[in-house]
Amino acid sequence: MNDLKHIEYTPNGVCSRKIEYDLSSDGKIYNLTFTGGCPGNLKAISKLVNGMDAKSVANLLLGNTCGYKQTSCTDQLSKSIVEALNER
């Protein structure tokens, strides 16, 4: 596995309070966890995206909303990924 950079992100406008994951040097996501939010759904999403290309995950989930909110935990994850990829 390539070198991993640990990312911690504080989401806005959602129930989760923190998003953490490792981003490999070849752009893949590992060890995604959410603090707070809907535990069952977010654990499932974490399993589904493990090892996936981060840019693909961001493109897939960007703009997803939760109920009446203009964003969601997965939309916030996407924003975090875009930010992290732009910093490389």
N, C-alpha and C. Protein backbone atom coordinates (compact mmCIF):
# COMPACT_ATOMS: atom_id res chain seq x y z
N MET A 1 0.85 -1.18 0.00
CA MET A 1 0.00 0.00 0.00
C MET A 1 0.89 1.24 0.00
N ASN A 2 0.43 2.26 -0.64
CA ASN A 2 1.17 3.52 -0.69
C ASN A 2 1.12 4.24 0.65
N ASP A 3 1.89 5.31 0.76
CA ASP A 3 1.87 6.13 1.97
C ASP A 3 0.47 6.68 2.19
N LEU A 4 0.06 6.76 3.46
CA LEU A 4 -1.27 7.25 3.80
C LEU A 4 -1.17 8.59 4.52
N LYS A 5 -2.03 9.50 4.15
CA LYS A 5 -2.16 10.79 4.84
C LYS A 5 -3.48 10.76 5.59
N HIS A 6 -3.43 10.99 6.90
CA HIS A 6 -4.65 10.99 7.70
C HIS A 6 -5.35 12.34 7.57
N ILE A 7 -6.63 12.29 7.26
CA ILE A 7 -7.45 13.48 7.08
C ILE A 7 -8.48 13.54 8.19
N GLU A 8 -8.61 14.70 8.82
CA GLU A 8 -9.68 14.97 9.78
C GLU A 8 -10.43 16.19 9.28
N TYR A 9 -11.75 16.08 9.21
CA TYR A 9 -12.57 17.14 8.65
C TYR A 9 -13.76 17.39 9.57
N THR A 10 -14.05 18.65 9.83
CA THR A 10 -15.22 19.01 10.62
C THR A 10 -16.34 19.42 9.66
N PRO A 11 -17.37 18.59 9.54
CA PRO A 11 -18.46 18.89 8.61
C PRO A 11 -19.36 20.01 9.12
N ASN A 12 -20.07 20.62 8.20
CA ASN A 12 -21.00 21.71 8.52
C ASN A 12 -22.41 21.35 8.09
N GLY A 13 -23.39 21.68 8.95
CA GLY A 13 -24.80 21.52 8.58
C GLY A 13 -25.33 20.10 8.63
N VAL A 14 -24.61 19.19 9.29
CA VAL A 14 -25.05 17.80 9.38
C VAL A 14 -24.93 17.30 10.82
N CYS A 15 -25.44 16.12 11.07
CA CYS A 15 -25.41 15.55 12.42
C CYS A 15 -24.02 15.05 12.83
N SER A 16 -23.26 14.55 11.88
CA SER A 16 -21.92 14.07 12.25
C SER A 16 -21.04 15.25 12.63
N ARG A 17 -20.14 14.99 13.58
CA ARG A 17 -19.28 16.05 14.10
C ARG A 17 -17.86 15.99 13.56
N LYS A 18 -17.48 14.81 13.04
CA LYS A 18 -16.13 14.68 12.49
C LYS A 18 -16.11 13.57 11.45
N ILE A 19 -15.31 13.77 10.40
CA ILE A 19 -15.08 12.75 9.38
C ILE A 19 -13.57 12.53 9.36
N GLU A 20 -13.17 11.26 9.44
CA GLU A 20 -11.75 10.92 9.38
C GLU A 20 -11.53 9.79 8.39
N TYR A 21 -10.42 9.86 7.66
CA TYR A 21 -10.05 8.79 6.74
C TYR A 21 -8.58 8.94 6.37
N ASP A 22 -8.05 7.90 5.76
CA ASP A 22 -6.69 7.93 5.25
C ASP A 22 -6.76 8.00 3.74
N LEU A 23 -5.94 8.86 3.17
CA LEU A 23 -5.87 9.05 1.73
C LEU A 23 -4.50 8.57 1.27
N SER A 24 -4.48 7.57 0.40
CA SER A 24 -3.21 7.03 -0.07
C SER A 24 -2.61 7.95 -1.13
N SER A 25 -1.33 7.78 -1.36
CA SER A 25 -0.65 8.62 -2.34
C SER A 25 -1.16 8.37 -3.76
N ASP A 26 -1.81 7.22 -3.98
CA ASP A 26 -2.40 6.97 -5.30
C ASP A 26 -3.89 7.33 -5.33
N GLY A 27 -4.36 8.07 -4.30
CA GLY A 27 -5.72 8.63 -4.32
C GLY A 27 -6.84 7.70 -3.92
N LYS A 28 -6.56 6.74 -3.06
CA LYS A 28 -7.61 5.84 -2.60
C LYS A 28 -7.94 6.12 -1.13
N ILE A 29 -9.18 5.83 -0.75
CA ILE A 29 -9.67 6.08 0.61
C ILE A 29 -9.63 4.79 1.43
N TYR A 30 -9.15 4.94 2.67
CA TYR A 30 -9.12 3.82 3.62
C TYR A 30 -9.53 4.33 5.00
N ASN A 31 -10.07 3.42 5.81
CA ASN A 31 -10.33 3.68 7.24
C ASN A 31 -11.26 4.86 7.49
N LEU A 32 -12.29 5.01 6.68
CA LEU A 32 -13.24 6.11 6.84
C LEU A 32 -14.10 5.89 8.08
N THR A 33 -14.19 6.92 8.92
CA THR A 33 -15.09 6.88 10.08
C THR A 33 -15.79 8.23 10.22
N PHE A 34 -17.00 8.17 10.73
CA PHE A 34 -17.78 9.36 11.04
C PHE A 34 -18.03 9.36 12.54
N THR A 35 -17.92 10.51 13.17
CA THR A 35 -18.28 10.66 14.57
C THR A 35 -19.64 11.35 14.60
N GLY A 36 -20.64 10.68 15.16
CA GLY A 36 -22.00 11.20 15.14
C GLY A 36 -22.69 10.82 13.85
N GLY A 37 -23.90 11.31 13.69
CA GLY A 37 -24.67 10.99 12.49
C GLY A 37 -25.43 9.68 12.63
N CYS A 38 -25.87 9.14 11.53
CA CYS A 38 -26.65 7.89 11.49
C CYS A 38 -25.69 6.71 11.44
N PRO A 39 -25.47 6.04 12.57
CA PRO A 39 -24.38 5.07 12.65
C PRO A 39 -24.46 3.92 11.64
N GLY A 40 -25.61 3.32 11.48
CA GLY A 40 -25.72 2.19 10.56
C GLY A 40 -25.41 2.58 9.13
N ASN A 41 -26.01 3.66 8.67
CA ASN A 41 -25.78 4.11 7.30
C ASN A 41 -24.33 4.53 7.07
N LEU A 42 -23.77 5.26 8.02
CA LEU A 42 -22.41 5.75 7.83
C LEU A 42 -21.38 4.63 7.94
N LYS A 43 -21.63 3.62 8.76
CA LYS A 43 -20.73 2.46 8.80
C LYS A 43 -20.78 1.72 7.47
N ALA A 44 -21.97 1.60 6.90
CA ALA A 44 -22.11 0.92 5.61
C ALA A 44 -21.38 1.69 4.51
N ILE A 45 -21.53 3.00 4.49
CA ILE A 45 -20.84 3.82 3.49
C ILE A 45 -19.33 3.66 3.65
N SER A 46 -18.86 3.64 4.89
CA SER A 46 -17.43 3.47 5.15
C SER A 46 -16.91 2.16 4.57
N LYS A 47 -17.68 1.09 4.71
CA LYS A 47 -17.29 -0.21 4.14
C LYS A 47 -17.32 -0.17 2.62
N LEU A 48 -18.32 0.48 2.06
CA LEU A 48 -18.47 0.51 0.60
C LEU A 48 -17.36 1.29 -0.09
N VAL A 49 -16.89 2.36 0.50
CA VAL A 49 -15.89 3.20 -0.18
C VAL A 49 -14.46 2.80 0.15
N ASN A 50 -14.24 1.87 1.09
CA ASN A 50 -12.89 1.48 1.47
C ASN A 50 -12.13 0.93 0.26
N GLY A 51 -10.99 1.54 -0.03
CA GLY A 51 -10.17 1.12 -1.16
C GLY A 51 -10.56 1.74 -2.50
N MET A 52 -11.62 2.53 -2.51
CA MET A 52 -12.06 3.15 -3.77
C MET A 52 -11.26 4.41 -4.08
N ASP A 53 -11.28 4.78 -5.34
CA ASP A 53 -10.65 6.01 -5.80
C ASP A 53 -11.39 7.20 -5.19
N ALA A 54 -10.65 8.06 -4.50
CA ALA A 54 -11.25 9.18 -3.78
C ALA A 54 -12.01 10.12 -4.71
N LYS A 55 -11.46 10.41 -5.86
CA LYS A 55 -12.11 11.32 -6.80
C LYS A 55 -13.45 10.74 -7.27
N SER A 56 -13.49 9.44 -7.50
CA SER A 56 -14.74 8.78 -7.90
C SER A 56 -15.78 8.86 -6.80
N VAL A 57 -15.34 8.66 -5.55
CA VAL A 57 -16.25 8.76 -4.40
C VAL A 57 -16.81 10.17 -4.30
N ALA A 58 -15.95 11.16 -4.43
CA ALA A 58 -16.39 12.56 -4.34
C ALA A 58 -17.39 12.88 -5.44
N ASN A 59 -17.11 12.45 -6.66
CA ASN A 59 -18.03 12.71 -7.78
C ASN A 59 -19.37 12.02 -7.58
N LEU A 60 -19.35 10.82 -7.03
CA LEU A 60 -20.58 10.05 -6.82
C LEU A 60 -21.47 10.66 -5.75
N LEU A 61 -20.87 11.15 -4.67
CA LEU A 61 -21.64 11.58 -3.50
C LEU A 61 -21.86 13.09 -3.39
N LEU A 62 -21.15 13.88 -4.18
CA LEU A 62 -21.27 15.33 -4.12
C LEU A 62 -22.70 15.77 -4.44
N GLY A 63 -23.25 16.62 -3.59
CA GLY A 63 -24.60 17.14 -3.82
C GLY A 63 -25.69 16.32 -3.19
N ASN A 64 -25.35 15.17 -2.59
CA ASN A 64 -26.35 14.35 -1.92
C ASN A 64 -26.89 15.12 -0.71
N THR A 65 -28.20 15.11 -0.51
CA THR A 65 -28.80 15.84 0.61
C THR A 65 -29.41 14.86 1.60
N CYS A 66 -29.70 15.36 2.80
CA CYS A 66 -30.31 14.57 3.86
C CYS A 66 -31.56 15.30 4.34
N GLY A 67 -32.71 14.71 4.10
CA GLY A 67 -33.97 15.32 4.53
C GLY A 67 -34.12 16.73 4.00
N TYR A 68 -34.39 17.67 4.88
CA TYR A 68 -34.60 19.06 4.51
C TYR A 68 -33.30 19.85 4.36
N LYS A 69 -32.19 19.23 4.72
CA LYS A 69 -30.89 19.93 4.70
C LYS A 69 -30.38 20.09 3.28
N GLN A 70 -29.56 21.09 3.08
CA GLN A 70 -28.97 21.35 1.76
C GLN A 70 -27.72 20.50 1.53
N THR A 71 -27.34 19.70 2.51
CA THR A 71 -26.14 18.89 2.44
C THR A 71 -26.40 17.57 3.16
N SER A 72 -25.39 16.74 3.27
CA SER A 72 -25.48 15.46 3.99
C SER A 72 -24.08 15.09 4.45
N CYS A 73 -24.00 14.05 5.23
CA CYS A 73 -22.67 13.59 5.67
C CYS A 73 -21.83 13.16 4.47
N THR A 74 -22.46 12.51 3.49
CA THR A 74 -21.70 12.09 2.31
C THR A 74 -21.31 13.28 1.42
N ASP A 75 -22.16 14.30 1.37
CA ASP A 75 -21.81 15.52 0.63
C ASP A 75 -20.62 16.20 1.32
N GLN A 76 -20.64 16.21 2.64
CA GLN A 76 -19.53 16.79 3.39
C GLN A 76 -18.25 15.96 3.20
N LEU A 77 -18.38 14.65 3.13
CA LEU A 77 -17.23 13.80 2.82
C LEU A 77 -16.66 14.18 1.46
N SER A 78 -17.53 14.38 0.48
CA SER A 78 -17.08 14.77 -0.86
C SER A 78 -16.31 16.07 -0.83
N LYS A 79 -16.82 17.03 -0.09
CA LYS A 79 -16.13 18.33 0.02
C LYS A 79 -14.76 18.16 0.67
N SER A 80 -14.69 17.31 1.67
CA SER A 80 -13.42 17.03 2.32
C SER A 80 -12.42 16.39 1.35
N ILE A 81 -12.90 15.45 0.57
CA ILE A 81 -12.03 14.77 -0.40
C ILE A 81 -11.50 15.76 -1.43
N VAL A 82 -12.37 16.58 -1.98
CA VAL A 82 -11.94 17.58 -2.96
C VAL A 82 -10.87 18.49 -2.36
N GLU A 83 -11.10 18.93 -1.15
CA GLU A 83 -10.14 19.80 -0.44
C GLU A 83 -8.80 19.08 -0.26
N ALA A 84 -8.86 17.82 0.19
CA ALA A 84 -7.63 17.05 0.43
C ALA A 84 -6.87 16.79 -0.87
N LEU A 85 -7.58 16.49 -1.94
CA LEU A 85 -6.93 16.23 -3.22
C LEU A 85 -6.29 17.49 -3.78
N ASN A 86 -6.92 18.64 -3.55
CA ASN A 86 -6.36 19.90 -4.03
C ASN A 86 -5.12 20.32 -3.26
N GLU A 87 -4.97 19.82 -2.05
CA GLU A 87 -3.79 20.14 -1.23
C GLU A 87 -2.57 19.32 -1.60
N ARG A 88 -2.76 18.25 -2.37
CA ARG A 88 -1.62 17.39 -2.73
C ARG A 88 -0.75 18.02 -3.76
